[in-house]
Amino acid sequence: ADQCELYDLNNDPHEMTNLYDDPKQRDRILDMTARIRIWQAATGDEVDLPRV
């Protein structure tokens, strides 16, 4: 299965620290997931996203 990933490219340009499981990023992840779901609905994209 795919692993969820979130990186701070300004401070971690080599993507060494995955922030996805960082509790401080929860609101950001929820917001980004909601935006992706809106885009999916608008474009007919039916790929399942991981549950957040």
Protein backbone atom coordinates (compact mmCIF):
# COMPACT_ATOMS: atom_id res chain seq x y z
CA ALA A 1 0.00 0.00 0.00
CA ASP A 2 1.06 3.56 -0.55
CA GLN A 3 2.45 5.48 2.37
CA CYS A 4 1.10 8.94 3.09
CA GLU A 5 3.74 11.62 3.03
CA LEU A 6 4.04 15.28 3.98
CA TYR A 7 7.28 17.24 3.85
CA ASP A 8 8.33 20.78 4.67
CA LEU A 9 10.24 21.48 1.48
CA ASN A 10 11.53 24.82 2.75
CA ASN A 11 13.30 23.22 5.71
CA ASP A 12 13.68 19.69 4.36
CA PRO A 13 14.29 19.96 0.60
CA HIS A 14 15.61 16.39 0.42
CA GLU A 15 12.41 15.00 1.96
CA MET A 16 14.14 13.19 4.79
CA THR A 17 11.51 13.77 7.51
CA ASN A 18 7.97 12.65 6.79
CA LEU A 19 5.64 14.88 8.82
CA TYR A 20 2.46 12.98 8.00
CA ASP A 21 2.20 11.33 11.42
CA ASP A 22 3.12 14.50 13.32
CA PRO A 23 0.06 15.48 15.41
CA LYS A 24 0.89 19.16 14.81
CA GLN A 25 0.17 18.60 11.11
CA ARG A 26 -3.29 17.06 11.57
CA ASP A 27 -5.25 20.21 10.67
CA ARG A 28 -3.08 20.79 7.60
CA ILE A 29 -3.61 17.20 6.45
CA LEU A 30 -7.36 17.42 6.99
CA ASP A 31 -7.48 20.66 4.99
CA MET A 32 -5.38 19.27 2.16
CA THR A 33 -7.45 16.08 2.05
CA ALA A 34 -10.68 18.09 1.84
CA ARG A 35 -9.24 20.15 -1.02
CA ILE A 36 -8.23 17.00 -2.88
CA ARG A 37 -11.70 15.50 -2.42
CA ILE A 38 -13.29 18.67 -3.85
CA TRP A 39 -10.94 18.50 -6.82
CA GLN A 40 -11.72 14.81 -7.28
CA ALA A 41 -15.45 15.51 -7.36
CA ALA A 42 -14.98 18.33 -9.86
CA THR A 43 -12.81 16.27 -12.19
CA GLY A 44 -14.42 12.85 -11.84
CA ASP A 45 -11.32 11.37 -10.22
CA GLU A 46 -12.40 8.21 -8.41
CA VAL A 47 -9.12 7.16 -6.79
CA ASP A 48 -9.64 6.26 -3.14
CA LEU A 49 -7.73 8.36 -0.64
CA PRO A 50 -6.53 6.99 2.68
CA ARG A 51 -8.82 7.72 5.60
CA VAL A 52 -7.60 10.60 7.72
